[in-house]
Amino acid sequence: MKTEVGHYFAPSGKPYPDNWIVTDIIYEMEGSLISRSGNLVEGNPGTSSGDETVPYHSLSWCKSWLGPKVNITRTPQSEHDGSDVQDELSVEHLHGADIVPNMTKSPKVKYITYYEDSESIPEKRTAVWEVDKANHRNIVRSPVLMRELWLQMWHDIHPDATSKFVTKAKRGPLRDEDCYWDYGKARCAWSEYCEYSYAFGDVHLGQSCRLKMSSADMLLRYV
């Protein structure tokens, strides 16, 4: 998660209180310092702010609760077909230590990184999710977090579930509201999941895009 940790200032030539301007912003990202322009910056990140609410070192400390081996998966936050999923399985984890995955990020994509116990204490399991560019003060309003939390809870209570954690291989639309019109292809996006189905009262094309199957049937893909 890229975290704002510092600024460069320069005199503006204007009277107080506008006598200084911000010329650059420094971010901490997975142990390194980078500028707003993307250049590496020398120095020690030190204690930094996770967003304006939770310090990053507090977020990082959560990963110290994980077990001795951890599965790490990074996926786009939005619905995806699995083509940009990265994973590292059974990564060794020292007790009380942070974990920094050896994974890439596209600057145009917001990701969610899942750290999940590969080996757990009997009858217990731990997972830590890092959601890029999420404001922690309003995290419960995040549709991405709520989707993942719902899928994991549904997976936990499903009698046919065989794994400890819900699959991350794909994320397709789960509700009619998740379907929309793709103007470039002149059809509903996610044609594997959605279809054009006009209903009286629809006022635009996207509103007429609906799931091919019921939400209950769609959820069976995540057992």
C-alpha atoms as a PDB file:
ATOM      1  CA  MET A   1       0.000   0.000   0.000  1.00  0.00           C
ATOM      2  CA  LYS A   2       1.513   3.348  -1.027  1.00  0.00           C
ATOM      3  CA  THR A   3       1.555   5.622   2.012  1.00  0.00           C
ATOM      4  CA  GLU A   4       2.259   9.360   2.108  1.00  0.00           C
ATOM      5  CA  VAL A   5       5.147   9.973   4.545  1.00  0.00           C
ATOM      6  CA  GLY A   6       6.757  13.327   3.676  1.00  0.00           C
ATOM      7  CA  HIS A   7       6.899  16.462   1.558  1.00  0.00           C
ATOM      8  CA  TYR A   8       9.416  18.770  -0.095  1.00  0.00           C
ATOM      9  CA  PHE A   9       8.711  22.491   0.314  1.00  0.00           C
ATOM     10  CA  ALA A  10       9.985  25.613  -1.436  1.00  0.00           C
ATOM     11  CA  PRO A  11       9.454  29.352  -0.857  1.00  0.00           C
ATOM     12  CA  SER A  12       6.529  30.665  -2.869  1.00  0.00           C
ATOM     13  CA  GLY A  13       7.423  34.352  -2.718  1.00  0.00           C
ATOM     14  CA  LYS A  14       4.007  35.100  -1.220  1.00  0.00           C
ATOM     15  CA  PRO A  15       3.311  36.467   2.280  1.00  0.00           C
ATOM     16  CA  TYR A  16       2.395  34.239   5.220  1.00  0.00           C
ATOM     17  CA  PRO A  17       0.465  31.873   5.389  1.00  0.00           C
ATOM     18  CA  ASP A  18       1.068  31.085   1.703  1.00  0.00           C
ATOM     19  CA  ASN A  19       4.836  31.545   1.840  1.00  0.00           C
ATOM     20  CA  TRP A  20       5.617  27.835   1.251  1.00  0.00           C
ATOM     21  CA  ILE A  21       4.443  25.455  -1.487  1.00  0.00           C
ATOM     22  CA  VAL A  22       4.672  21.678  -1.728  1.00  0.00           C
ATOM     23  CA  THR A  23       7.011  20.745  -4.594  1.00  0.00           C
ATOM     24  CA  ASP A  24       6.966  16.970  -4.155  1.00  0.00           C
ATOM     25  CA  ILE A  25       5.359  14.246  -2.057  1.00  0.00           C
ATOM     26  CA  ILE A  26       7.276  11.236  -0.719  1.00  0.00           C
ATOM     27  CA  TYR A  27       5.548   7.882  -0.333  1.00  0.00           C
ATOM     28  CA  GLU A  28       6.533   4.676   1.452  1.00  0.00           C
ATOM     29  CA  MET A  29       5.674   1.521  -0.472  1.00  0.00           C
ATOM     30  CA  GLU A  30       6.657  -1.962   0.682  1.00  0.00           C
ATOM     31  CA  GLY A  31       9.816  -0.781   2.428  1.00  0.00           C
ATOM     32  CA  SER A  32      11.016   1.729  -0.183  1.00  0.00           C
ATOM     33  CA  LEU A  33      10.637   5.479  -0.543  1.00  0.00           C
ATOM     34  CA  ILE A  34       9.411   6.903  -3.847  1.00  0.00           C
ATOM     35  CA  SER A  35       8.522  10.406  -4.989  1.00  0.00           C
ATOM     36  CA  ARG A  36       5.259  11.498  -6.578  1.00  0.00           C
ATOM     37  CA  SER A  37       6.994  11.269  -9.978  1.00  0.00           C
ATOM     38  CA  GLY A  38       7.974   7.633  -9.290  1.00  0.00           C
ATOM     39  CA  ASN A  39      11.692   8.140  -8.517  1.00  0.00           C
ATOM     40  CA  LEU A  40      13.360   6.227  -5.689  1.00  0.00           C
ATOM     41  CA  VAL A  41      14.334   8.361  -2.681  1.00  0.00           C
ATOM     42  CA  GLU A  42      17.140   7.562  -0.241  1.00  0.00           C
ATOM     43  CA  GLY A  43      16.320   7.487   3.462  1.00  0.00           C
ATOM     44  CA  ASN A  44      14.530   5.588   6.209  1.00  0.00           C
ATOM     45  CA  PRO A  45      10.716   5.537   5.997  1.00  0.00           C
ATOM     46  CA  GLY A  46      10.447   5.507   9.791  1.00  0.00           C
ATOM     47  CA  THR A  47       7.012   5.760  11.336  1.00  0.00           C
ATOM     48  CA  SER A  48       4.524   6.637   8.615  1.00  0.00           C
ATOM     49  CA  SER A  49       0.844   7.285   8.218  1.00  0.00           C
ATOM     50  CA  GLY A  50      -1.319   4.547   6.724  1.00  0.00           C
ATOM     51  CA  ASP A  51      -3.878   7.049   5.459  1.00  0.00           C
ATOM     52  CA  GLU A  52      -4.707   9.777   7.967  1.00  0.00           C
ATOM     53  CA  THR A  53      -6.211   7.375  10.454  1.00  0.00           C
ATOM     54  CA  VAL A  54      -4.082   4.260  10.941  1.00  0.00           C
ATOM     55  CA  PRO A  55      -0.242   4.291  11.018  1.00  0.00           C
ATOM     56  CA  TYR A  56       1.304   2.062   8.378  1.00  0.00           C
ATOM     57  CA  HIS A  57       3.483   0.303  10.957  1.00  0.00           C
ATOM     58  CA  SER A  58       0.248  -0.729  12.720  1.00  0.00           C
ATOM     59  CA  LEU A  59      -1.077  -2.215   9.484  1.00  0.00           C
ATOM     60  CA  SER A  60       2.236  -3.950   8.868  1.00  0.00           C
ATOM     61  CA  TRP A  61       2.226  -5.325  12.437  1.00  0.00           C
ATOM     62  CA  CYS A  62      -0.983  -7.237  11.668  1.00  0.00           C
ATOM     63  CA  LYS A  63       1.068  -9.569   9.475  1.00  0.00           C
ATOM     64  CA  SER A  64       3.131 -10.610  12.493  1.00  0.00           C
ATOM     65  CA  TRP A  65       0.082 -12.589  13.641  1.00  0.00           C
ATOM     66  CA  LEU A  66       0.302 -14.923  10.660  1.00  0.00           C
ATOM     67  CA  GLY A  67       1.530 -18.504  10.949  1.00  0.00           C
ATOM     68  CA  PRO A  68       4.903 -20.003   9.925  1.00  0.00           C
ATOM     69  CA  LYS A  69       3.888 -20.403   6.273  1.00  0.00           C
ATOM     70  CA  VAL A  70       1.731 -17.938   4.357  1.00  0.00           C
ATOM     71  CA  ASN A  71       0.003 -17.924   0.983  1.00  0.00           C
ATOM     72  CA  ILE A  72       0.117 -14.483  -0.652  1.00  0.00           C
ATOM     73  CA  THR A  73      -2.254 -13.534  -3.470  1.00  0.00           C
ATOM     74  CA  ARG A  74      -2.521 -10.177  -5.245  1.00  0.00           C
ATOM     75  CA  THR A  75      -5.511  -9.425  -7.485  1.00  0.00           C
ATOM     76  CA  PRO A  76      -7.210  -6.348  -8.943  1.00  0.00           C
ATOM     77  CA  GLN A  77      -9.921  -4.967  -6.674  1.00  0.00           C
ATOM     78  CA  SER A  78     -12.469  -4.759  -9.477  1.00  0.00           C
ATOM     79  CA  GLU A  79     -14.102  -7.741 -11.180  1.00  0.00           C
ATOM     80  CA  HIS A  80     -11.398  -9.678 -13.058  1.00  0.00           C
ATOM     81  CA  ASP A  81     -10.918 -12.785 -15.202  1.00  0.00           C
ATOM     82  CA  GLY A  82      -7.822 -14.047 -13.378  1.00  0.00           C
ATOM     83  CA  SER A  83      -5.266 -12.824 -15.934  1.00  0.00           C
ATOM     84  CA  ASP A  84      -3.668 -10.402 -13.426  1.00  0.00           C
ATOM     85  CA  VAL A  85      -3.602 -12.672 -10.382  1.00  0.00           C
ATOM     86  CA  GLN A  86      -0.217 -13.234  -8.719  1.00  0.00           C
ATOM     87  CA  ASP A  87       0.446 -15.690  -5.929  1.00  0.00           C
ATOM     88  CA  GLU A  88       3.272 -17.024  -3.791  1.00  0.00           C
ATOM     89  CA  LEU A  89       2.506 -20.213  -1.885  1.00  0.00           C
ATOM     90  CA  SER A  90       3.881 -21.396   1.455  1.00  0.00           C
ATOM     91  CA  VAL A  91       6.125 -18.379   1.991  1.00  0.00           C
ATOM     92  CA  GLU A  92       8.280 -18.784   5.105  1.00  0.00           C
ATOM     93  CA  HIS A  93       7.242 -16.345   7.816  1.00  0.00           C
ATOM     94  CA  LEU A  94       9.293 -15.592  10.928  1.00  0.00           C
ATOM     95  CA  HIS A  95       7.199 -15.034  14.042  1.00  0.00           C
ATOM     96  CA  GLY A  96       6.624 -11.344  14.680  1.00  0.00           C
ATOM     97  CA  ALA A  97       8.038 -10.254  11.310  1.00  0.00           C
ATOM     98  CA  ASP A  98       6.534  -8.356   8.386  1.00  0.00           C
ATOM     99  CA  ILE A  99       6.172  -9.947   4.934  1.00  0.00           C
ATOM    100  CA  VAL A 100       6.964  -8.066   1.717  1.00  0.00           C
ATOM    101  CA  PRO A 101       5.806  -9.973  -1.400  1.00  0.00           C
ATOM    102  CA  ASN A 102       7.942 -10.148  -4.523  1.00  0.00           C
ATOM    103  CA  MET A 103       5.131  -9.040  -6.825  1.00  0.00           C
ATOM    104  CA  THR A 104       4.503  -6.333  -9.390  1.00  0.00           C
ATOM    105  CA  LYS A 105       1.838  -3.646  -9.624  1.00  0.00           C
ATOM    106  CA  SER A 106       0.458  -1.756 -12.585  1.00  0.00           C
ATOM    107  CA  PRO A 107       0.240   1.962 -11.696  1.00  0.00           C
ATOM    108  CA  LYS A 108      -3.239   2.105 -13.251  1.00  0.00           C
ATOM    109  CA  VAL A 109      -4.719  -0.716 -11.154  1.00  0.00           C
ATOM    110  CA  LYS A 110      -5.863  -0.783  -7.529  1.00  0.00           C
ATOM    111  CA  TYR A 111      -5.000  -4.137  -5.956  1.00  0.00           C
ATOM    112  CA  ILE A 112      -5.942  -6.140  -2.910  1.00  0.00           C
ATOM    113  CA  THR A 113      -3.215  -8.338  -1.432  1.00  0.00           C
ATOM    114  CA  TYR A 114      -4.281 -11.314   0.677  1.00  0.00           C
ATOM    115  CA  TYR A 115      -1.946 -12.856   3.270  1.00  0.00           C
ATOM    116  CA  GLU A 116      -3.463 -16.130   4.468  1.00  0.00           C
ATOM    117  CA  ASP A 117      -2.152 -18.876   6.721  1.00  0.00           C
ATOM    118  CA  SER A 118      -0.867 -21.882   4.810  1.00  0.00           C
ATOM    119  CA  GLU A 119      -0.143 -23.580   8.125  1.00  0.00           C
ATOM    120  CA  SER A 120      -2.233 -22.511  11.102  1.00  0.00           C
ATOM    121  CA  ILE A 121      -2.481 -23.150  14.813  1.00  0.00           C
ATOM    122  CA  PRO A 122      -5.041 -25.963  15.243  1.00  0.00           C
ATOM    123  CA  GLU A 123      -8.617 -24.647  15.116  1.00  0.00           C
ATOM    124  CA  LYS A 124      -7.380 -21.145  14.283  1.00  0.00           C
ATOM    125  CA  ARG A 125      -6.484 -19.264  11.105  1.00  0.00           C
ATOM    126  CA  THR A 126      -5.392 -15.768  10.258  1.00  0.00           C
ATOM    127  CA  ALA A 127      -5.760 -13.635   7.139  1.00  0.00           C
ATOM    128  CA  VAL A 128      -4.598 -10.069   6.520  1.00  0.00           C
ATOM    129  CA  TRP A 129      -5.900  -8.095   3.542  1.00  0.00           C
ATOM    130  CA  GLU A 130      -4.186  -4.970   2.197  1.00  0.00           C
ATOM    131  CA  VAL A 131      -6.543  -2.850   0.095  1.00  0.00           C
ATOM    132  CA  ASP A 132      -4.771  -0.237  -2.020  1.00  0.00           C
ATOM    133  CA  LYS A 133      -5.783   3.394  -1.552  1.00  0.00           C
ATOM    134  CA  ALA A 134      -8.517   2.603   0.966  1.00  0.00           C
ATOM    135  CA  ASN A 135      -9.396   5.171   3.606  1.00  0.00           C
ATOM    136  CA  HIS A 136      -9.480   3.245   6.875  1.00  0.00           C
ATOM    137  CA  ARG A 137     -11.842   5.674   8.569  1.00  0.00           C
ATOM    138  CA  ASN A 138     -14.523   4.670   6.047  1.00  0.00           C
ATOM    139  CA  ILE A 139     -13.324   1.143   5.292  1.00  0.00           C
ATOM    140  CA  VAL A 140     -16.705  -0.420   6.114  1.00  0.00           C
ATOM    141  CA  ARG A 141     -18.158   1.550   3.200  1.00  0.00           C
ATOM    142  CA  SER A 142     -15.725  -0.021   0.742  1.00  0.00           C
ATOM    143  CA  PRO A 143     -17.678  -2.184  -1.763  1.00  0.00           C
ATOM    144  CA  VAL A 144     -14.510  -4.226  -2.400  1.00  0.00           C
ATOM    145  CA  LEU A 145     -13.962  -5.065   1.264  1.00  0.00           C
ATOM    146  CA  MET A 146     -17.645  -5.836   1.807  1.00  0.00           C
ATOM    147  CA  ARG A 147     -17.666  -8.139  -1.243  1.00  0.00           C
ATOM    148  CA  GLU A 148     -14.627 -10.059   0.002  1.00  0.00           C
ATOM    149  CA  LEU A 149     -15.925 -10.251   3.561  1.00  0.00           C
ATOM    150  CA  TRP A 150     -19.298 -11.520   2.328  1.00  0.00           C
ATOM    151  CA  LEU A 151     -17.687 -14.152   0.082  1.00  0.00           C
ATOM    152  CA  GLN A 152     -15.445 -15.394   2.898  1.00  0.00           C
ATOM    153  CA  MET A 153     -18.324 -15.595   5.385  1.00  0.00           C
ATOM    154  CA  TRP A 154     -20.496 -17.381   2.821  1.00  0.00           C
ATOM    155  CA  HIS A 155     -17.634 -19.790   2.084  1.00  0.00           C
ATOM    156  CA  ASP A 156     -17.141 -20.465   5.808  1.00  0.00           C
ATOM    157  CA  ILE A 157     -20.731 -21.620   6.335  1.00  0.00           C
ATOM    158  CA  HIS A 158     -21.106 -23.570   3.085  1.00  0.00           C
ATOM    159  CA  PRO A 159     -21.217 -27.336   3.734  1.00  0.00           C
ATOM    160  CA  ASP A 160     -19.350 -28.178   0.510  1.00  0.00           C
ATOM    161  CA  ALA A 161     -16.387 -25.856   1.103  1.00  0.00           C
ATOM    162  CA  THR A 162     -13.113 -27.802   1.224  1.00  0.00           C
ATOM    163  CA  SER A 163     -10.534 -25.003   1.565  1.00  0.00           C
ATOM    164  CA  LYS A 164      -9.926 -22.633   4.479  1.00  0.00           C
ATOM    165  CA  PHE A 165     -10.246 -19.506   2.346  1.00  0.00           C
ATOM    166  CA  VAL A 166     -12.430 -18.560  -0.598  1.00  0.00           C
ATOM    167  CA  THR A 167     -10.786 -18.790  -4.033  1.00  0.00           C
ATOM    168  CA  LYS A 168      -9.202 -15.639  -5.489  1.00  0.00           C
ATOM    169  CA  ALA A 169      -8.894 -17.012  -9.049  1.00  0.00           C
ATOM    170  CA  LYS A 170     -11.697 -14.839 -10.491  1.00  0.00           C
ATOM    171  CA  ARG A 171     -14.142 -12.168  -9.432  1.00  0.00           C
ATOM    172  CA  GLY A 172     -17.233 -11.852 -11.586  1.00  0.00           C
ATOM    173  CA  PRO A 173     -20.439  -9.869 -11.065  1.00  0.00           C
ATOM    174  CA  LEU A 174     -22.516 -11.155  -8.147  1.00  0.00           C
ATOM    175  CA  ARG A 175     -25.588  -8.898  -8.460  1.00  0.00           C
ATOM    176  CA  ASP A 176     -27.597  -7.372 -11.281  1.00  0.00           C
ATOM    177  CA  GLU A 177     -26.155  -4.023 -10.172  1.00  0.00           C
ATOM    178  CA  ASP A 178     -22.647  -5.285 -11.042  1.00  0.00           C
ATOM    179  CA  CYS A 179     -23.569  -5.741 -14.718  1.00  0.00           C
ATOM    180  CA  TYR A 180     -23.175  -2.817 -17.120  1.00  0.00           C
ATOM    181  CA  TRP A 181     -23.216  -1.968 -20.823  1.00  0.00           C
ATOM    182  CA  ASP A 182     -19.923  -2.115 -22.770  1.00  0.00           C
ATOM    183  CA  TYR A 183     -20.321   0.602 -25.399  1.00  0.00           C
ATOM    184  CA  GLY A 184     -17.132  -0.459 -27.178  1.00  0.00           C
ATOM    185  CA  LYS A 185     -18.496  -3.955 -27.857  1.00  0.00           C
ATOM    186  CA  ALA A 186     -22.162  -2.900 -28.032  1.00  0.00           C
ATOM    187  CA  ARG A 187     -23.233  -5.542 -25.528  1.00  0.00           C
ATOM    188  CA  CYS A 188     -23.373  -6.183 -21.812  1.00  0.00           C
ATOM    189  CA  ALA A 189     -19.920  -6.482 -20.274  1.00  0.00           C
ATOM    190  CA  TRP A 190     -18.972  -9.782 -18.668  1.00  0.00           C
ATOM    191  CA  SER A 191     -20.987 -11.776 -21.191  1.00  0.00           C
ATOM    192  CA  GLU A 192     -20.111 -14.984 -19.315  1.00  0.00           C
ATOM    193  CA  TYR A 193     -22.149 -13.675 -16.386  1.00  0.00           C
ATOM    194  CA  CYS A 194     -24.451 -10.951 -17.723  1.00  0.00           C
ATOM    195  CA  GLU A 195     -26.975 -10.617 -20.541  1.00  0.00           C
ATOM    196  CA  TYR A 196     -29.273  -7.968 -21.955  1.00  0.00           C
ATOM    197  CA  SER A 197     -32.704  -8.408 -20.401  1.00  0.00           C
ATOM    198  CA  TYR A 198     -34.981  -5.384 -20.686  1.00  0.00           C
ATOM    199  CA  ALA A 199     -37.565  -4.849 -17.965  1.00  0.00           C
ATOM    200  CA  PHE A 200     -40.297  -2.249 -17.916  1.00  0.00           C
ATOM    201  CA  GLY A 201     -38.972   0.919 -16.321  1.00  0.00           C
ATOM    202  CA  ASP A 202     -35.356   0.566 -17.492  1.00  0.00           C
ATOM    203  CA  VAL A 203     -34.134   3.966 -18.654  1.00  0.00           C
ATOM    204  CA  HIS A 204     -30.667   3.128 -20.012  1.00  0.00           C
ATOM    205  CA  LEU A 205     -28.824   0.183 -21.544  1.00  0.00           C
ATOM    206  CA  GLY A 206     -26.763  -0.616 -18.461  1.00  0.00           C
ATOM    207  CA  GLN A 207     -29.875  -0.951 -16.349  1.00  0.00           C
ATOM    208  CA  SER A 208     -31.061  -3.717 -18.688  1.00  0.00           C
ATOM    209  CA  CYS A 209     -27.901  -5.771 -18.156  1.00  0.00           C
ATOM    210  CA  ARG A 210     -28.661  -8.490 -15.641  1.00  0.00           C
ATOM    211  CA  LEU A 211     -27.159 -11.723 -14.347  1.00  0.00           C
ATOM    212  CA  LYS A 212     -27.776 -14.814 -16.469  1.00  0.00           C
ATOM    213  CA  MET A 213     -28.124 -16.903 -13.312  1.00  0.00           C
ATOM    214  CA  SER A 214     -29.426 -16.105  -9.848  1.00  0.00           C
ATOM    215  CA  SER A 215     -27.013 -14.690  -7.285  1.00  0.00           C
ATOM    216  CA  ALA A 216     -27.291 -17.962  -5.342  1.00  0.00           C
ATOM    217  CA  ASP A 217     -26.175 -19.980  -8.375  1.00  0.00           C
ATOM    218  CA  MET A 218     -23.391 -17.477  -9.078  1.00  0.00           C
ATOM    219  CA  LEU A 219     -22.024 -17.914  -5.559  1.00  0.00           C
ATOM    220  CA  LEU A 220     -21.500 -21.644  -6.157  1.00  0.00           C
ATOM    221  CA  ARG A 221     -18.464 -20.690  -8.281  1.00  0.00           C
ATOM    222  CA  TYR A 222     -16.728 -19.631  -5.076  1.00  0.00           C
ATOM    223  CA  VAL A 223     -17.136 -22.799  -3.018  1.00  0.00           C
END
